[in-house]
Protein backbone atom coordinates (compact mmCIF):
# COMPACT_ATOMS: atom_id res chain seq x y z
CA MET A 1 -0.29 -17.85 11.15
CA ASP A 2 3.28 -18.34 12.35
CA GLU A 3 3.43 -19.37 16.01
CA ASP A 4 4.94 -16.04 17.05
CA ARG A 5 4.20 -13.68 14.15
CA ALA A 6 1.18 -12.33 12.32
CA VAL A 7 1.40 -10.87 8.81
CA VAL A 8 -1.04 -8.04 8.13
CA CYS A 9 -1.37 -6.87 4.54
CA ILE A 10 -2.66 -3.36 3.84
CA CYS A 11 -4.10 -2.75 0.37
CA GLY A 12 -6.62 -0.37 -1.13
CA VAL A 13 -7.43 2.40 -3.56
CA LEU A 14 -4.83 5.00 -4.57
CA ALA A 15 -4.42 7.80 -2.01
CA SER A 16 -6.72 6.06 0.47
CA GLY A 17 -4.19 6.46 3.30
CA LYS A 18 -2.45 3.08 3.12
CA THR A 19 1.10 4.32 3.68
CA THR A 20 0.13 6.57 6.59
CA LEU A 21 -1.82 3.70 8.12
CA VAL A 22 1.12 1.30 7.78
CA ARG A 23 3.42 3.79 9.50
CA ARG A 24 0.95 4.36 12.31
CA LEU A 25 0.42 0.64 12.79
CA SER A 26 4.17 0.01 12.84
CA ASP A 27 4.54 2.56 15.66
CA GLY A 28 1.44 1.33 17.48
CA LEU A 29 2.45 -2.32 17.27
CA ASP A 30 5.84 -1.83 18.95
CA GLY A 31 7.86 -1.18 15.81
CA ALA A 32 6.38 -3.87 13.57
CA SER A 33 8.53 -4.70 10.55
CA VAL A 34 7.32 -3.18 7.25
CA LEU A 35 7.68 -4.36 3.66
CA VAL A 36 6.34 -2.24 0.79
CA PHE A 37 5.51 -3.68 -2.65
CA ASP A 38 6.52 -0.49 -4.50
CA GLU A 39 10.01 -0.61 -2.97
CA TYR A 40 10.59 -3.93 -4.77
CA GLU A 41 10.15 -2.38 -8.21
CA ALA A 42 13.62 -3.48 -9.34
CA PHE A 43 12.70 -7.09 -8.47
CA SER A 44 9.18 -7.09 -9.91
CA GLU A 45 8.23 -9.31 -12.86
CA TRP A 46 5.36 -7.84 -14.91
CA PRO A 47 3.87 -9.37 -18.07
CA ALA A 48 6.12 -8.83 -21.11
CA ASP A 49 3.15 -7.55 -23.12
CA PHE A 50 1.75 -5.04 -20.64
CA GLU A 51 -0.95 -3.73 -23.02
CA ALA A 52 -2.21 -7.25 -23.73
CA TRP A 53 -2.28 -7.96 -19.99
CA ARG A 54 -4.45 -4.89 -19.42
CA ALA A 55 -6.73 -5.73 -22.35
CA GLU A 56 -7.23 -9.27 -21.03
CA GLY A 57 -8.35 -8.13 -17.57
CA CYS A 58 -5.16 -7.52 -15.54
CA ASP A 59 -4.68 -11.03 -14.15
CA PRO A 60 -2.80 -10.53 -10.82
CA SER A 61 -1.19 -13.98 -11.05
CA GLN A 62 1.02 -12.68 -13.87
CA VAL A 63 2.70 -10.16 -11.55
CA ARG A 64 5.44 -11.75 -9.48
CA VAL A 65 7.85 -10.36 -6.91
CA PRO A 66 9.89 -13.36 -5.72
CA ARG A 67 12.22 -11.19 -3.63
CA LEU A 68 9.24 -9.88 -1.62
CA ARG A 69 8.00 -13.41 -1.01
CA GLU A 70 11.47 -14.58 0.04
CA ASP A 71 11.92 -11.68 2.44
CA LEU A 72 8.51 -12.24 3.99
CA GLU A 73 9.19 -15.95 4.43
CA ALA A 74 12.50 -15.14 6.11
CA LEU A 75 10.94 -12.61 8.50
CA ARG A 76 8.20 -15.08 9.41
CA ALA A 77 10.94 -17.59 10.21
CA GLY A 78 12.62 -15.10 12.53
CA GLN A 79 15.45 -14.11 10.17
CA SER A 80 16.44 -10.55 9.29
CA VAL A 81 16.50 -9.36 5.66
CA THR A 82 18.11 -6.49 3.79
CA HIS A 83 15.90 -3.72 2.45
CA PRO A 84 15.60 -3.90 -1.37
CA MET A 85 16.47 -0.22 -1.90
CA ASP A 86 19.07 0.93 0.62
CA GLU A 87 20.02 -2.48 2.04
CA HIS A 88 19.50 -1.56 5.69
CA GLU A 89 18.64 -4.51 7.91
CA VAL A 90 14.95 -5.26 8.54
CA GLN A 91 14.44 -7.22 11.74
CA PRO A 92 11.67 -9.76 12.38
CA SER A 93 8.93 -8.72 14.80
CA PRO A 94 5.72 -10.18 16.28
CA PHE A 95 3.73 -8.22 13.67
CA LEU A 96 4.81 -7.98 10.04
CA LEU A 97 3.13 -5.30 7.94
CA VAL A 98 3.06 -5.48 4.13
CA GLU A 99 1.74 -2.71 1.90
CA ASP A 100 0.75 -4.66 -1.21
CA PRO A 101 -1.74 -3.17 -3.72
CA PHE A 102 -2.67 -6.67 -4.91
CA GLY A 103 -3.70 -7.91 -1.47
CA ARG A 104 -4.44 -11.62 -1.53
CA THR A 105 -5.01 -11.88 -5.30
CA ARG A 106 -1.51 -13.06 -6.24
CA PRO A 107 -1.30 -16.85 -5.66
CA ASP A 108 2.47 -16.88 -5.10
CA ILE A 109 2.16 -14.87 -1.86
CA ARG A 110 -1.45 -15.03 -0.64
CA ALA A 111 -0.82 -17.89 1.79
CA LEU A 112 1.69 -15.73 3.69
CA TYR A 113 -0.91 -13.08 4.59
CA ASP A 114 -2.81 -13.84 7.79
CA LEU A 115 -5.02 -10.75 7.66
CA VAL A 116 -5.74 -8.47 4.68
CA LEU A 117 -7.24 -5.01 5.25
CA PHE A 118 -8.57 -3.09 2.23
CA VAL A 119 -8.73 0.70 2.61
CA ASP A 120 -11.66 1.80 0.46
CA LEU A 121 -12.15 5.23 -1.11
CA PRO A 122 -14.39 6.46 -3.96
CA PHE A 123 -12.32 6.94 -7.11
CA ASP A 124 -13.27 10.59 -7.45
CA LEU A 125 -11.79 11.30 -4.00
CA SER A 126 -8.74 9.24 -4.91
CA VAL A 127 -8.02 11.49 -7.90
CA VAL A 128 -8.61 14.64 -5.83
CA ARG A 129 -6.24 13.47 -3.10
CA MET A 130 -3.52 12.53 -5.57
CA ALA A 131 -3.74 15.93 -7.24
CA GLN A 132 -3.63 17.63 -3.82
CA ARG A 133 -0.60 15.55 -2.88
CA ALA A 134 1.23 16.47 -6.08
CA LEU A 135 0.45 20.16 -5.56
CA ASN A 136 1.16 20.01 -1.82
CA LEU A 137 -2.37 21.13 -0.98
CA GLY A 138 -4.93 20.02 1.58
CA LEU A 139 -5.58 20.48 5.26
CA ASP A 140 -2.94 17.95 6.25
CA ARG A 141 -0.12 19.75 4.43
CA GLN A 142 2.48 21.66 6.43
CA GLY A 143 4.38 23.25 3.54
CA THR A 144 4.67 26.84 2.38
CA PRO A 145 1.32 28.50 1.58
CA VAL A 146 0.61 28.68 -2.17
CA GLY A 147 0.91 32.47 -2.26
CA GLU A 148 4.41 32.33 -0.76
CA ARG A 149 5.88 29.68 -3.06
CA SER A 150 8.44 30.56 -5.69
CA ARG A 151 7.62 30.37 -9.37
CA ASP A 152 10.02 27.44 -9.81
CA GLU A 153 8.44 25.56 -6.91
CA LEU A 154 4.93 26.10 -8.28
CA ALA A 155 6.00 25.05 -11.78
CA GLU A 156 7.55 21.86 -10.42
CA GLN A 157 4.39 20.99 -8.48
CA VAL A 158 2.11 21.67 -11.45
CA GLU A 159 4.30 19.49 -13.68
CA ARG A 160 4.20 16.73 -11.07
CA ALA A 161 0.40 16.92 -10.87
CA GLU A 162 0.10 16.98 -14.67
CA SER A 163 2.34 13.92 -14.96
CA TRP A 164 0.41 11.97 -12.34
CA LEU A 165 -2.99 12.81 -13.84
CA ALA A 166 -1.81 11.83 -17.31
CA ASN A 167 -0.49 8.53 -15.94
CA TYR A 168 -3.74 7.87 -14.06
CA THR A 169 -5.80 8.60 -17.17
CA MET A 170 -3.69 6.14 -19.17
CA LEU A 171 -3.86 3.38 -16.52
CA ARG A 172 -7.32 4.08 -15.11
CA ASP A 173 -8.70 0.76 -16.36
CA MET A 174 -6.00 -1.16 -14.47
CA TYR A 175 -6.71 0.61 -11.19
CA THR A 176 -10.48 0.23 -11.45
CA VAL A 177 -10.45 -3.39 -12.68
CA LEU A 178 -8.03 -4.59 -10.00
CA ALA A 179 -9.87 -2.85 -7.16
CA GLY A 180 -12.78 -5.30 -7.37
CA PRO A 181 -10.97 -8.61 -6.82
CA VAL A 182 -8.51 -7.08 -4.34
CA ARG A 183 -11.39 -5.74 -2.27
CA ALA A 184 -13.31 -9.02 -2.52
CA SER A 185 -10.35 -11.07 -1.30
CA ALA A 186 -9.74 -8.90 1.77
CA ASP A 187 -10.76 -9.97 5.28
CA ALA A 188 -12.08 -6.52 6.17
CA VAL A 189 -12.82 -3.24 4.39
CA LEU A 190 -11.87 0.03 6.11
CA ASP A 191 -13.33 3.45 5.33
CA GLY A 192 -10.59 5.57 3.77
CA ARG A 193 -12.76 8.72 3.88
CA GLN A 194 -12.23 9.12 7.62
CA PRO A 195 -9.33 11.03 9.21
CA PRO A 196 -6.03 9.16 9.70
CA ASP A 197 -6.55 8.79 13.46
CA ALA A 198 -9.96 7.21 12.99
CA LEU A 199 -8.66 4.90 10.23
CA TYR A 200 -5.86 3.78 12.52
CA GLU A 201 -8.29 3.04 15.36
CA GLU A 202 -10.57 1.08 13.00
CA ALA A 203 -7.60 -0.98 11.84
CA LEU A 204 -6.50 -1.71 15.41
CA VAL A 205 -10.01 -2.78 16.41
CA THR A 206 -10.19 -5.05 13.35
CA ILE A 207 -6.83 -6.65 14.14
CA ARG A 208 -7.93 -7.15 17.75
CA ASP A 209 -11.33 -8.55 16.80
CA ARG A 210 -9.69 -11.07 14.48
CA GLY A 211 -7.66 -12.43 17.40
CA TYR A 212 -4.23 -11.05 16.48
CA LEU A 213 -4.01 -8.49 19.29
CA GLN A 214 -4.89 -8.73 22.95
CA PRO A 215 -7.49 -6.23 24.30
């Protein structure tokens, strides 16, 4: 761990609550800096033969995001970086949060993660949550009730859900295969079935118990 900074990586199953948890932790840890793997898509280096990579077991070491590593190294060193999408300035902070679906499985970045928390969720609930999210359903949604939505709005949401489900069906093997090693390499496994407040409290307790946060 850097003398003044701790890097906490949040990973886990699709729709397990990772993004919400990262946002809550950033607020709860005095505005901790946040880096998100998906926001580095333009800088990501995936295997040239994606289908062969999947067929051979989805080796995480073949996925590289040098810009993410460089930004994390700079923040650990106390230097600000520019966001990869809108180029706003990201300032260093005592806690650095990284949402990375690969966790500690990628050798080019694993040494930079002090603590890795895996948010676990059964895959059937993952699919249900993703469909609910695409359709703007669920108890946590604040949008217009289904019966009051316009035909165009409903059509757009159904198309979005259909697209996501088709994509998940096509890439299901990648998600399920990678979950095992990512989970195994984590320092702690959190229960993604619980409400967001409870998940946040479990994460805080884990960070505190590991010595990165004073009681």
